[in-house]
Amino acid sequence: WTTPQSLQIMKTTAAALIIVLGSSAAKSPELVPKTFDEALVSKNTFIKFYAPWCGHCKKLAPDWDALADEYSSSSSVLIGSVDCTSDDSKELCEKYGVSGYPTLKYFKDGDTSGEAYNGARSLDALKEFVEDTLDKKCIVGSEEDMSREDSFCSDKEKEYAKKMRSKSADERKTAADRLEKMKGGSMKPELKSWIIQRLRILNGLEGFGAKEEL
């Protein structure tokens, strides 16, 4: 039977579980042929071809989802997954010659043939690869320059740059110093990514000579 003490323990456990689940990274988007093709056209993509029963896939899943979470707001990169056991996606796995799980492939600059990723599969290694190979950084310049499609700036980055252009050099330095201190703290990947994006914008505005636009 359930005693008041055991009921309290159950409530505490449930609350803790909710906190843990709420703070975990969102899953990487599942792609099917239509959304897969759309992704290749719009962004550089990094794809995990997997099977739900695969032990190596299960081991990779937390880091892969954390990677997807970090780039969820990126204007140039999509981290996705394809379930090769799904009837909707089997043809994609056949098309790209997937014979083992997980298979990681990346597609960049609109190329649809894909390249195999054979590097390390730790979160740090995956992040470094995306950063160096797939991520197109926002090119900081005038408001007009940053509005161009080839500036690779998200709406969020454009708004932040517009806001900081109106500030003095001292105010921008204060903002950069504050972000540098925050960067070393513990936080969700997407928050840390946004801190780094803002620092790039602030550094870019100083190099561009933001005061000349005022």
N, C-alpha and C. Protein backbone atom coordinates (compact mmCIF):
# COMPACT_ATOMS: atom_id res chain seq x y z
N TRP A 1 0.84 -1.19 0.00
CA TRP A 1 0.00 0.00 0.00
C TRP A 1 0.88 1.25 0.00
N THR A 2 0.22 2.39 -0.27
CA THR A 2 0.97 3.64 -0.36
C THR A 2 0.85 4.41 0.94
N THR A 3 1.97 4.68 1.58
CA THR A 3 2.00 5.48 2.80
C THR A 3 2.29 6.92 2.45
N PRO A 4 2.00 7.87 3.37
CA PRO A 4 2.33 9.28 3.09
C PRO A 4 3.80 9.48 2.76
N GLN A 5 4.68 8.69 3.46
CA GLN A 5 6.11 8.82 3.21
C GLN A 5 6.48 8.36 1.80
N SER A 6 5.92 7.20 1.40
CA SER A 6 6.24 6.69 0.06
C SER A 6 5.67 7.58 -1.02
N LEU A 7 4.50 8.20 -0.74
CA LEU A 7 3.90 9.12 -1.71
C LEU A 7 4.78 10.33 -1.90
N GLN A 8 5.34 10.83 -0.78
CA GLN A 8 6.23 11.99 -0.87
C GLN A 8 7.47 11.66 -1.67
N ILE A 9 8.01 10.43 -1.46
CA ILE A 9 9.19 10.00 -2.21
C ILE A 9 8.88 9.93 -3.70
N MET A 10 7.70 9.41 -4.04
CA MET A 10 7.29 9.32 -5.44
C MET A 10 7.19 10.70 -6.06
N LYS A 11 6.62 11.66 -5.32
CA LYS A 11 6.48 13.01 -5.84
C LYS A 11 7.84 13.67 -6.07
N THR A 12 8.74 13.46 -5.09
CA THR A 12 10.09 14.03 -5.21
C THR A 12 10.83 13.45 -6.40
N THR A 13 10.71 12.13 -6.58
CA THR A 13 11.37 11.46 -7.71
C THR A 13 10.82 11.95 -9.04
N ALA A 14 9.49 12.10 -9.11
CA ALA A 14 8.86 12.56 -10.34
C ALA A 14 9.31 13.98 -10.67
N ALA A 15 9.39 14.84 -9.63
CA ALA A 15 9.81 16.22 -9.85
C ALA A 15 11.24 16.27 -10.36
N ALA A 16 12.11 15.44 -9.75
CA ALA A 16 13.50 15.40 -10.19
C ALA A 16 13.61 14.93 -11.63
N LEU A 17 12.79 13.95 -12.00
CA LEU A 17 12.81 13.43 -13.36
C LEU A 17 12.37 14.49 -14.35
N ILE A 18 11.37 15.28 -13.97
CA ILE A 18 10.89 16.35 -14.84
C ILE A 18 11.99 17.38 -15.07
N ILE A 19 12.73 17.70 -13.98
CA ILE A 19 13.82 18.67 -14.11
C ILE A 19 14.89 18.16 -15.05
N VAL A 20 15.26 16.88 -14.89
CA VAL A 20 16.30 16.28 -15.74
C VAL A 20 15.86 16.26 -17.19
N LEU A 21 14.62 15.82 -17.42
CA LEU A 21 14.13 15.74 -18.79
C LEU A 21 14.00 17.12 -19.39
N GLY A 22 13.59 18.08 -18.59
CA GLY A 22 13.41 19.43 -19.10
C GLY A 22 14.71 20.09 -19.49
N SER A 23 15.80 19.68 -18.83
CA SER A 23 17.09 20.32 -19.11
C SER A 23 17.90 19.59 -20.17
N SER A 24 17.40 18.42 -20.62
CA SER A 24 18.15 17.66 -21.61
C SER A 24 17.99 18.27 -23.00
N ALA A 25 18.92 17.94 -23.86
CA ALA A 25 18.89 18.50 -25.21
C ALA A 25 17.72 17.94 -26.01
N ALA A 26 17.18 18.79 -26.86
CA ALA A 26 16.11 18.32 -27.74
C ALA A 26 16.69 17.36 -28.77
N LYS A 27 15.86 16.45 -29.25
CA LYS A 27 16.35 15.49 -30.23
C LYS A 27 16.60 16.17 -31.56
N SER A 28 17.56 15.63 -32.30
CA SER A 28 17.84 16.17 -33.63
C SER A 28 16.63 15.88 -34.53
N PRO A 29 16.32 16.78 -35.47
CA PRO A 29 15.15 16.56 -36.32
C PRO A 29 15.28 15.30 -37.17
N GLU A 30 14.19 14.54 -37.24
CA GLU A 30 14.14 13.34 -38.07
C GLU A 30 13.75 13.74 -39.50
N LEU A 31 14.57 13.34 -40.46
CA LEU A 31 14.34 13.73 -41.84
C LEU A 31 13.82 12.57 -42.67
N VAL A 32 12.91 12.89 -43.57
CA VAL A 32 12.40 11.95 -44.58
C VAL A 32 12.76 12.55 -45.93
N PRO A 33 12.56 11.82 -47.04
CA PRO A 33 13.04 12.34 -48.33
C PRO A 33 12.72 13.80 -48.62
N LYS A 34 11.48 14.24 -48.38
CA LYS A 34 11.10 15.61 -48.71
C LYS A 34 11.87 16.62 -47.86
N THR A 35 11.88 16.42 -46.55
CA THR A 35 12.56 17.38 -45.67
C THR A 35 14.08 17.27 -45.82
N PHE A 36 14.56 16.09 -46.17
CA PHE A 36 15.99 15.89 -46.40
C PHE A 36 16.44 16.74 -47.58
N ASP A 37 15.71 16.66 -48.69
CA ASP A 37 16.06 17.43 -49.88
C ASP A 37 15.99 18.94 -49.61
N GLU A 38 14.99 19.34 -48.86
CA GLU A 38 14.84 20.76 -48.53
C GLU A 38 16.01 21.25 -47.69
N ALA A 39 16.47 20.39 -46.78
CA ALA A 39 17.59 20.75 -45.91
C ALA A 39 18.87 20.95 -46.71
N LEU A 40 19.12 20.08 -47.69
CA LEU A 40 20.34 20.17 -48.48
C LEU A 40 20.40 21.47 -49.27
N VAL A 41 19.25 21.94 -49.70
CA VAL A 41 19.20 23.17 -50.48
C VAL A 41 19.44 24.40 -49.61
N SER A 42 18.90 24.37 -48.38
CA SER A 42 18.91 25.57 -47.56
C SER A 42 20.12 25.72 -46.65
N LYS A 43 20.73 24.59 -46.24
CA LYS A 43 21.82 24.67 -45.26
C LYS A 43 22.87 23.59 -45.50
N ASN A 44 24.03 23.79 -44.91
CA ASN A 44 24.99 22.69 -44.80
C ASN A 44 24.43 21.72 -43.76
N THR A 45 24.49 20.42 -44.05
CA THR A 45 23.84 19.47 -43.16
C THR A 45 24.82 18.37 -42.72
N PHE A 46 24.59 17.90 -41.52
CA PHE A 46 25.37 16.81 -40.93
C PHE A 46 24.34 15.78 -40.49
N ILE A 47 24.39 14.59 -41.09
CA ILE A 47 23.31 13.61 -40.93
C ILE A 47 23.80 12.32 -40.28
N LYS A 48 23.01 11.86 -39.34
CA LYS A 48 23.25 10.55 -38.72
C LYS A 48 22.23 9.56 -39.29
N PHE A 49 22.71 8.57 -40.03
CA PHE A 49 21.86 7.48 -40.50
C PHE A 49 21.94 6.37 -39.44
N TYR A 50 20.80 5.97 -38.91
CA TYR A 50 20.85 5.06 -37.76
C TYR A 50 19.68 4.07 -37.76
N ALA A 51 19.77 3.12 -36.83
CA ALA A 51 18.68 2.18 -36.56
C ALA A 51 18.40 2.23 -35.06
N PRO A 52 17.14 2.28 -34.65
CA PRO A 52 16.80 2.42 -33.22
C PRO A 52 17.37 1.32 -32.34
N TRP A 53 17.54 0.11 -32.90
CA TRP A 53 18.02 -1.01 -32.09
C TRP A 53 19.55 -1.05 -31.95
N CYS A 54 20.23 -0.22 -32.69
CA CYS A 54 21.70 -0.25 -32.74
C CYS A 54 22.33 0.30 -31.46
N GLY A 55 23.19 -0.50 -30.82
CA GLY A 55 23.83 -0.09 -29.58
C GLY A 55 24.74 1.11 -29.74
N HIS A 56 25.52 1.15 -30.81
CA HIS A 56 26.42 2.29 -31.05
C HIS A 56 25.62 3.57 -31.30
N CYS A 57 24.45 3.42 -31.93
CA CYS A 57 23.58 4.58 -32.19
C CYS A 57 23.05 5.14 -30.87
N LYS A 58 22.65 4.24 -29.98
CA LYS A 58 22.14 4.67 -28.67
C LYS A 58 23.22 5.39 -27.88
N LYS A 59 24.45 4.90 -28.00
CA LYS A 59 25.57 5.53 -27.29
C LYS A 59 25.85 6.94 -27.84
N LEU A 60 25.73 7.09 -29.15
CA LEU A 60 26.00 8.38 -29.78
C LEU A 60 24.87 9.38 -29.56
N ALA A 61 23.65 8.90 -29.34
CA ALA A 61 22.45 9.74 -29.32
C ALA A 61 22.55 10.98 -28.43
N PRO A 62 22.99 10.88 -27.16
CA PRO A 62 23.04 12.09 -26.32
C PRO A 62 23.94 13.19 -26.89
N ASP A 63 25.11 12.81 -27.37
CA ASP A 63 26.03 13.81 -27.93
C ASP A 63 25.49 14.37 -29.24
N TRP A 64 24.86 13.51 -30.04
CA TRP A 64 24.30 13.97 -31.32
C TRP A 64 23.16 14.97 -31.08
N ASP A 65 22.32 14.65 -30.11
CA ASP A 65 21.21 15.55 -29.79
C ASP A 65 21.71 16.86 -29.20
N ALA A 66 22.78 16.79 -28.40
CA ALA A 66 23.37 18.02 -27.84
C ALA A 66 23.95 18.88 -28.96
N LEU A 67 24.55 18.24 -29.95
CA LEU A 67 25.08 18.97 -31.11
C LEU A 67 23.95 19.64 -31.87
N ALA A 68 22.87 18.90 -32.10
CA ALA A 68 21.71 19.45 -32.80
C ALA A 68 21.11 20.62 -32.03
N ASP A 69 21.08 20.49 -30.72
CA ASP A 69 20.54 21.54 -29.85
C ASP A 69 21.36 22.81 -29.99
N GLU A 70 22.67 22.65 -30.02
CA GLU A 70 23.56 23.81 -30.10
C GLU A 70 23.38 24.56 -31.42
N TYR A 71 23.10 23.84 -32.50
CA TYR A 71 22.97 24.48 -33.81
C TYR A 71 21.51 24.64 -34.25
N SER A 72 20.58 24.51 -33.30
CA SER A 72 19.16 24.56 -33.65
C SER A 72 18.74 25.92 -34.21
N SER A 73 19.44 26.99 -33.83
CA SER A 73 19.09 28.32 -34.33
C SER A 73 20.06 28.82 -35.40
N SER A 74 20.94 27.93 -35.87
CA SER A 74 21.93 28.33 -36.88
C SER A 74 21.26 28.64 -38.22
N SER A 75 21.74 29.67 -38.88
CA SER A 75 21.22 30.02 -40.19
C SER A 75 21.93 29.26 -41.31
N SER A 76 23.01 28.51 -40.95
CA SER A 76 23.79 27.86 -42.01
C SER A 76 23.97 26.35 -41.83
N VAL A 77 23.63 25.81 -40.64
CA VAL A 77 23.88 24.40 -40.37
C VAL A 77 22.63 23.71 -39.83
N LEU A 78 22.40 22.50 -40.31
CA LEU A 78 21.34 21.64 -39.75
C LEU A 78 21.95 20.31 -39.37
N ILE A 79 21.71 19.88 -38.13
CA ILE A 79 22.13 18.57 -37.65
C ILE A 79 20.89 17.70 -37.63
N GLY A 80 20.86 16.64 -38.43
CA GLY A 80 19.65 15.82 -38.54
C GLY A 80 19.91 14.34 -38.42
N SER A 81 18.84 13.59 -38.41
CA SER A 81 18.91 12.13 -38.30
C SER A 81 17.96 11.48 -39.30
N VAL A 82 18.35 10.30 -39.76
CA VAL A 82 17.50 9.51 -40.66
C VAL A 82 17.39 8.10 -40.10
N ASP A 83 16.18 7.66 -39.81
CA ASP A 83 15.93 6.32 -39.28
C ASP A 83 15.84 5.35 -40.46
N CYS A 84 16.84 4.52 -40.61
CA CYS A 84 16.90 3.62 -41.76
C CYS A 84 15.94 2.44 -41.66
N THR A 85 15.27 2.29 -40.52
CA THR A 85 14.28 1.21 -40.39
C THR A 85 12.88 1.70 -40.72
N SER A 86 12.74 3.01 -40.90
CA SER A 86 11.43 3.59 -41.20
C SER A 86 11.09 3.41 -42.68
N ASP A 87 9.86 3.05 -42.95
CA ASP A 87 9.43 2.89 -44.35
C ASP A 87 9.59 4.18 -45.13
N ASP A 88 9.43 5.32 -44.45
CA ASP A 88 9.54 6.61 -45.12
C ASP A 88 10.97 6.96 -45.52
N SER A 89 11.94 6.37 -44.82
CA SER A 89 13.33 6.80 -45.01
C SER A 89 14.27 5.75 -45.58
N LYS A 90 13.77 4.52 -45.76
CA LYS A 90 14.65 3.44 -46.25
C LYS A 90 15.32 3.79 -47.57
N GLU A 91 14.57 4.47 -48.43
CA GLU A 91 15.13 4.79 -49.75
C GLU A 91 16.33 5.74 -49.65
N LEU A 92 16.30 6.63 -48.64
CA LEU A 92 17.44 7.53 -48.44
C LEU A 92 18.69 6.75 -48.04
N CYS A 93 18.51 5.78 -47.16
CA CYS A 93 19.64 4.97 -46.70
C CYS A 93 20.21 4.13 -47.84
N GLU A 94 19.34 3.63 -48.69
CA GLU A 94 19.78 2.86 -49.86
C GLU A 94 20.51 3.77 -50.84
N LYS A 95 19.96 4.96 -51.05
CA LYS A 95 20.55 5.92 -51.99
C LYS A 95 21.97 6.27 -51.59
N TYR A 96 22.22 6.41 -50.29
CA TYR A 96 23.55 6.83 -49.83
C TYR A 96 24.41 5.66 -49.35
N GLY A 97 24.00 4.46 -49.72
CA GLY A 97 24.84 3.29 -49.50
C GLY A 97 25.12 2.98 -48.04
N VAL A 98 24.15 3.26 -47.18
CA VAL A 98 24.34 3.01 -45.75
C VAL A 98 24.26 1.50 -45.49
N SER A 99 25.33 0.95 -44.95
CA SER A 99 25.37 -0.49 -44.68
C SER A 99 25.68 -0.81 -43.23
N GLY A 100 26.02 0.20 -42.45
CA GLY A 100 26.31 0.01 -41.03
C GLY A 100 25.79 1.20 -40.26
N TYR A 101 25.57 1.01 -38.97
CA TYR A 101 25.00 2.07 -38.14
C TYR A 101 25.88 2.36 -36.92
N PRO A 102 25.97 3.64 -36.53
CA PRO A 102 25.48 4.78 -37.29
C PRO A 102 26.47 5.16 -38.40
N THR A 103 25.94 5.68 -39.49
CA THR A 103 26.77 6.25 -40.55
C THR A 103 26.57 7.76 -40.54
N LEU A 104 27.66 8.50 -40.50
CA LEU A 104 27.58 9.96 -40.48
C LEU A 104 28.07 10.52 -41.81
N LYS A 105 27.25 11.37 -42.40
CA LYS A 105 27.61 12.02 -43.66
C LYS A 105 27.32 13.50 -43.56
N TYR A 106 28.11 14.30 -44.28
CA TYR A 106 27.85 15.74 -44.31
C TYR A 106 27.71 16.21 -45.75
N PHE A 107 26.91 17.24 -45.91
CA PHE A 107 26.59 17.81 -47.22
C PHE A 107 26.75 19.32 -47.12
N LYS A 108 27.52 19.91 -48.04
CA LYS A 108 27.75 21.35 -47.95
C LYS A 108 27.65 22.02 -49.31
N ASP A 109 27.29 23.30 -49.25
CA ASP A 109 27.21 24.16 -50.45
C ASP A 109 26.29 23.57 -51.52
N GLY A 110 25.19 22.95 -51.09
CA GLY A 110 24.21 22.44 -52.04
C GLY A 110 24.55 21.11 -52.67
N ASP A 111 25.70 20.54 -52.34
CA ASP A 111 26.09 19.24 -52.89
C ASP A 111 25.17 18.15 -52.34
N THR A 112 24.70 17.27 -53.21
CA THR A 112 23.77 16.23 -52.78
C THR A 112 24.40 14.84 -52.72
N SER A 113 25.69 14.75 -53.04
CA SER A 113 26.33 13.42 -53.03
C SER A 113 26.77 13.03 -51.62
N GLY A 114 27.20 13.99 -50.83
CA GLY A 114 27.57 13.74 -49.44
C GLY A 114 28.97 13.17 -49.29
N GLU A 115 29.58 13.46 -48.15
CA GLU A 115 30.90 12.95 -47.80
C GLU A 115 30.80 12.22 -46.47
N ALA A 116 31.51 11.10 -46.35
CA ALA A 116 31.49 10.34 -45.11
C ALA A 116 32.32 11.06 -44.05
N TYR A 117 31.80 11.09 -42.84
CA TYR A 117 32.56 11.61 -41.71
C TYR A 117 33.16 10.41 -40.97
N ASN A 118 34.47 10.38 -40.87
CA ASN A 118 35.16 9.26 -40.23
C ASN A 118 35.97 9.67 -39.00
N GLY A 119 35.68 10.86 -38.50
CA GLY A 119 36.43 11.35 -37.35
C GLY A 119 35.90 10.81 -36.03
N ALA A 120 36.45 11.33 -34.95
CA ALA A 120 36.02 10.93 -33.61
C ALA A 120 34.57 11.35 -33.39
N ARG A 121 33.90 10.64 -32.47
CA ARG A 121 32.47 10.88 -32.28
C ARG A 121 32.12 11.44 -30.91
N SER A 122 33.11 12.00 -30.23
CA SER A 122 32.81 12.70 -28.98
C SER A 122 32.13 14.01 -29.33
N LEU A 123 31.43 14.60 -28.37
CA LEU A 123 30.75 15.86 -28.63
C LEU A 123 31.74 16.94 -29.01
N ASP A 124 32.87 17.01 -28.33
CA ASP A 124 33.88 18.04 -28.64
C ASP A 124 34.41 17.89 -30.06
N ALA A 125 34.65 16.64 -30.48
CA ALA A 125 35.18 16.40 -31.83
C ALA A 125 34.13 16.76 -32.89
N LEU A 126 32.89 16.40 -32.64
CA LEU A 126 31.81 16.71 -33.59
C LEU A 126 31.62 18.22 -33.71
N LYS A 127 31.66 18.91 -32.57
CA LYS A 127 31.51 20.37 -32.59
C LYS A 127 32.65 21.03 -33.35
N GLU A 128 33.86 20.54 -33.13
CA GLU A 128 35.02 21.11 -33.82
C GLU A 128 34.89 20.92 -35.33
N PHE A 129 34.40 19.75 -35.74
CA PHE A 129 34.23 19.48 -37.17
C PHE A 129 33.20 20.43 -37.77
N VAL A 130 32.06 20.56 -37.12
CA VAL A 130 31.01 21.45 -37.64
C VAL A 130 31.51 22.88 -37.70
N GLU A 131 32.19 23.30 -36.64
CA GLU A 131 32.72 24.66 -36.57
C GLU A 131 33.69 24.94 -37.72
N ASP A 132 34.58 23.99 -38.00
CA ASP A 132 35.62 24.21 -39.00
C ASP A 132 35.15 23.97 -40.43
N THR A 133 34.16 23.07 -40.61
CA THR A 133 33.82 22.62 -41.96
C THR A 133 32.46 23.10 -42.46
N LEU A 134 31.48 23.19 -41.58
CA LEU A 134 30.11 23.43 -42.04
C LEU A 134 29.54 24.79 -41.63
N ASP A 135 29.95 25.28 -40.48
CA ASP A 135 29.34 26.50 -39.96
C ASP A 135 29.84 27.73 -40.71
N LYS A 136 28.90 28.46 -41.28
CA LYS A 136 29.25 29.71 -41.97
C LYS A 136 28.95 30.86 -41.03
N LYS A 137 29.99 31.56 -40.63
CA LYS A 137 29.85 32.62 -39.63
C LYS A 137 29.18 33.85 -40.23
N CYS A 138 28.44 34.52 -39.40
CA CYS A 138 27.83 35.80 -39.78
C CYS A 138 28.93 36.80 -40.12
N ILE A 139 28.85 37.38 -41.31
CA ILE A 139 29.85 38.37 -41.74
C ILE A 139 29.37 39.75 -41.31
N VAL A 140 30.06 40.32 -40.34
CA VAL A 140 29.65 41.59 -39.77
C VAL A 140 30.09 42.75 -40.65
N GLY A 141 29.14 43.64 -40.91
CA GLY A 141 29.43 44.82 -41.72
C GLY A 141 28.34 45.84 -41.50
N SER A 142 28.00 46.59 -42.52
CA SER A 142 26.91 47.55 -42.40
C SER A 142 25.59 46.80 -42.33
N GLU A 143 24.55 47.50 -41.95
CA GLU A 143 23.23 46.88 -41.86
C GLU A 143 22.82 46.33 -43.22
N GLU A 144 23.14 47.06 -44.28
CA GLU A 144 22.81 46.60 -45.63
C GLU A 144 23.60 45.33 -45.98
N ASP A 145 24.88 45.32 -45.65
CA ASP A 145 25.71 44.14 -45.94
C ASP A 145 25.19 42.91 -45.21
N MET A 146 24.80 43.09 -43.96
CA MET A 146 24.35 41.96 -43.15
C MET A 146 22.97 41.45 -43.55
N SER A 147 22.26 42.24 -44.34
CA SER A 147 20.94 41.82 -44.82
C SER A 147 21.04 40.95 -46.06
N ARG A 148 22.22 40.92 -46.67
CA ARG A 148 22.40 40.09 -47.86
C ARG A 148 22.37 38.62 -47.48
N GLU A 149 21.89 37.80 -48.42
CA GLU A 149 21.78 36.37 -48.15
C GLU A 149 23.13 35.72 -47.89
N ASP A 150 24.17 36.21 -48.58
CA ASP A 150 25.49 35.60 -48.42
C ASP A 150 26.26 36.13 -47.21
N SER A 151 25.57 36.88 -46.34
CA SER A 151 26.22 37.31 -45.09
C SER A 151 26.12 36.21 -44.03
N PHE A 152 25.19 35.26 -44.24
CA PHE A 152 24.98 34.12 -43.33
C PHE A 152 24.60 34.57 -41.92
N CYS A 153 23.93 35.71 -41.82
CA CYS A 153 23.50 36.21 -40.51
C CYS A 153 22.03 35.88 -40.28
N SER A 154 21.75 35.33 -39.10
CA SER A 154 20.35 35.05 -38.74
C SER A 154 19.66 36.36 -38.36
N ASP A 155 18.33 36.35 -38.31
CA ASP A 155 17.59 37.54 -37.91
C ASP A 155 17.99 37.99 -36.51
N LYS A 156 18.24 37.01 -35.65
CA LYS A 156 18.65 37.30 -34.28
C LYS A 156 19.99 38.04 -34.25
N GLU A 157 20.93 37.60 -35.09
CA GLU A 157 22.24 38.24 -35.16
C GLU A 157 22.12 39.65 -35.75
N LYS A 158 21.28 39.81 -36.75
CA LYS A 158 21.08 41.13 -37.37
C LYS A 158 20.52 42.13 -36.36
N GLU A 159 19.54 41.66 -35.57
CA GLU A 159 18.93 42.53 -34.58
C GLU A 159 19.94 42.94 -33.51
N TYR A 160 20.76 41.99 -33.09
CA TYR A 160 21.75 42.30 -32.06
C TYR A 160 22.79 43.28 -32.60
N ALA A 161 23.23 43.08 -33.84
CA ALA A 161 24.20 43.99 -34.44
C ALA A 161 23.62 45.39 -34.58
N LYS A 162 22.35 45.47 -34.97
CA LYS A 162 21.69 46.77 -35.11
C LYS A 162 21.64 47.49 -33.76
N LYS A 163 21.30 46.73 -32.73
CA LYS A 163 21.22 47.29 -31.38
C LYS A 163 22.58 47.81 -30.92
N MET A 164 23.63 47.01 -31.15
CA MET A 164 24.96 47.38 -30.65
C MET A 164 25.63 48.45 -31.48
N ARG A 165 25.20 48.66 -32.73
CA ARG A 165 25.75 49.75 -33.54
C ARG A 165 25.44 51.11 -32.90
N SER A 166 24.30 51.17 -32.22
CA SER A 166 23.87 52.45 -31.65
C SER A 166 24.60 52.76 -30.33
N LYS A 167 25.39 51.81 -29.85
CA LYS A 167 26.11 51.99 -28.59
C LYS A 167 27.48 52.61 -28.85
N SER A 168 28.04 53.18 -27.81
CA SER A 168 29.41 53.72 -27.92
C SER A 168 30.41 52.57 -27.86
N ALA A 169 31.65 52.87 -28.22
CA ALA A 169 32.71 51.86 -28.18
C ALA A 169 32.89 51.34 -26.75
N ASP A 170 32.79 52.24 -25.76
CA ASP A 170 32.93 51.82 -24.37
C ASP A 170 31.80 50.88 -23.95
N GLU A 171 30.60 51.16 -24.42
CA GLU A 171 29.46 50.31 -24.07
C GLU A 171 29.60 48.93 -24.71
N ARG A 172 30.12 48.91 -25.94
CA ARG A 172 30.32 47.62 -26.59
C ARG A 172 31.42 46.82 -25.89
N LYS A 173 32.45 47.50 -25.43
CA LYS A 173 33.52 46.82 -24.70
C LYS A 173 32.99 46.25 -23.38
N THR A 174 32.15 47.01 -22.70
CA THR A 174 31.55 46.53 -21.45
C THR A 174 30.71 45.29 -21.71
N ALA A 175 29.96 45.32 -22.79
CA ALA A 175 29.12 44.16 -23.15
C ALA A 175 29.99 42.95 -23.47
N ALA A 176 31.09 43.17 -24.19
CA ALA A 176 32.00 42.07 -24.55
C ALA A 176 32.67 41.48 -23.30
N ASP A 177 33.08 42.35 -22.38
CA ASP A 177 33.70 41.86 -21.14
C ASP A 177 32.72 41.01 -20.34
N ARG A 178 31.47 41.44 -20.29
CA ARG A 178 30.46 40.69 -19.55
C ARG A 178 30.22 39.33 -20.18
N LEU A 179 30.17 39.28 -21.51
CA LEU A 179 29.95 38.02 -22.21
C LEU A 179 31.13 37.07 -22.04
N GLU A 180 32.34 37.63 -22.03
CA GLU A 180 33.54 36.80 -21.82
C GLU A 180 33.48 36.11 -20.47
N LYS A 181 33.03 36.83 -19.44
CA LYS A 181 32.91 36.24 -18.11
C LYS A 181 31.83 35.16 -18.09
N MET A 182 30.73 35.40 -18.78
CA MET A 182 29.63 34.44 -18.82
C MET A 182 30.00 33.18 -19.57
N LYS A 183 30.87 33.32 -20.57
CA LYS A 183 31.20 32.21 -21.46
C LYS A 183 31.76 30.99 -20.73
N GLY A 184 32.46 31.23 -19.63
CA GLY A 184 33.07 30.12 -18.91
C GLY A 184 32.13 29.39 -17.98
N GLY A 185 30.90 29.87 -17.84
CA GLY A 185 29.95 29.25 -16.92
C GLY A 185 29.28 28.02 -17.50
N SER A 186 28.52 27.34 -16.64
CA SER A 186 27.79 26.14 -17.06
C SER A 186 26.41 26.55 -17.55
N MET A 187 26.07 26.14 -18.76
CA MET A 187 24.78 26.51 -19.35
C MET A 187 24.44 25.58 -20.50
N LYS A 188 23.22 25.68 -21.00
CA LYS A 188 22.81 24.86 -22.13
C LYS A 188 23.63 25.25 -23.37
N PRO A 189 23.89 24.28 -24.25
CA PRO A 189 24.75 24.55 -25.42
C PRO A 189 24.29 25.72 -26.27
N GLU A 190 22.96 25.84 -26.48
CA GLU A 190 22.50 26.92 -27.35
C GLU A 190 22.72 28.30 -26.74
N LEU A 191 22.71 28.37 -25.40
CA LEU A 191 22.97 29.65 -24.74
C LEU A 191 24.44 30.04 -24.88
N LYS A 192 25.32 29.04 -24.71
CA LYS A 192 26.75 29.31 -24.89
C LYS A 192 27.03 29.70 -26.34
N SER A 193 26.35 29.05 -27.27
CA SER A 193 26.53 29.37 -28.69
C SER A 193 26.11 30.81 -28.96
N TRP A 194 25.04 31.26 -28.34
CA TRP A 194 24.56 32.63 -28.56
C TRP A 194 25.53 33.65 -27.95
N ILE A 195 26.15 33.29 -26.84
CA ILE A 195 27.17 34.16 -26.25
C ILE A 195 28.34 34.33 -27.22
N ILE A 196 28.78 33.21 -27.80
CA ILE A 196 29.90 33.25 -28.74
C ILE A 196 29.53 34.06 -29.99
N GLN A 197 28.30 33.89 -30.47
CA GLN A 197 27.84 34.65 -31.63
C GLN A 197 27.87 36.15 -31.34
N ARG A 198 27.40 36.53 -30.17
CA ARG A 198 27.39 37.96 -29.81
C ARG A 198 28.81 38.52 -29.70
N LEU A 199 29.72 37.72 -29.15
CA LEU A 199 31.11 38.17 -29.07
C LEU A 199 31.71 38.38 -30.46
N ARG A 200 31.38 37.47 -31.39
CA ARG A 200 31.87 37.64 -32.76
C ARG A 200 31.34 38.94 -33.37
N ILE A 201 30.07 39.21 -33.11
CA ILE A 201 29.45 40.42 -33.67
C ILE A 201 30.11 41.67 -33.08
N LEU A 202 30.31 41.67 -31.77
CA LEU A 202 30.94 42.82 -31.12
C LEU A 202 32.36 43.04 -31.64
N ASN A 203 33.11 41.96 -31.77
CA ASN A 203 34.47 42.08 -32.32
C ASN A 203 34.43 42.56 -33.77
N GLY A 204 33.45 42.05 -34.52
CA GLY A 204 33.32 42.45 -35.92
C GLY A 204 32.94 43.91 -36.06
N LEU A 205 32.09 44.40 -35.18
CA LEU A 205 31.69 45.81 -35.23
C LEU A 205 32.87 46.71 -34.94
N GLU A 206 33.72 46.32 -34.03
CA GLU A 206 34.90 47.13 -33.73
C GLU A 206 35.84 47.16 -34.93
N GLY A 207 36.01 46.00 -35.57
CA GLY A 207 36.88 45.93 -36.74
C GLY A 207 36.32 46.69 -37.92
N PHE A 208 34.97 46.71 -38.00
CA PHE A 208 34.31 47.39 -39.12
C PHE A 208 34.33 48.90 -38.92
N GLY A 209 34.39 49.32 -37.67
CA GLY A 209 34.34 50.76 -37.38
C GLY A 209 32.92 51.22 -37.23
N ALA A 210 32.23 50.65 -36.24
CA ALA A 210 30.80 50.93 -36.08
C ALA A 210 30.51 52.40 -35.82
N LYS A 211 31.43 53.11 -35.20
CA LYS A 211 31.17 54.51 -34.86
C LYS A 211 30.97 55.36 -36.12
N GLU A 212 31.54 54.91 -37.22
CA GLU A 212 31.41 55.70 -38.44
C GLU A 212 29.98 55.70 -38.96
N GLU A 213 29.17 54.71 -38.51
CA GLU A 213 27.79 54.64 -39.00
C GLU A 213 26.86 55.50 -38.17
N LEU A 214 27.32 55.97 -37.01
CA LEU A 214 26.44 56.69 -36.11
C LEU A 214 26.21 58.12 -36.61
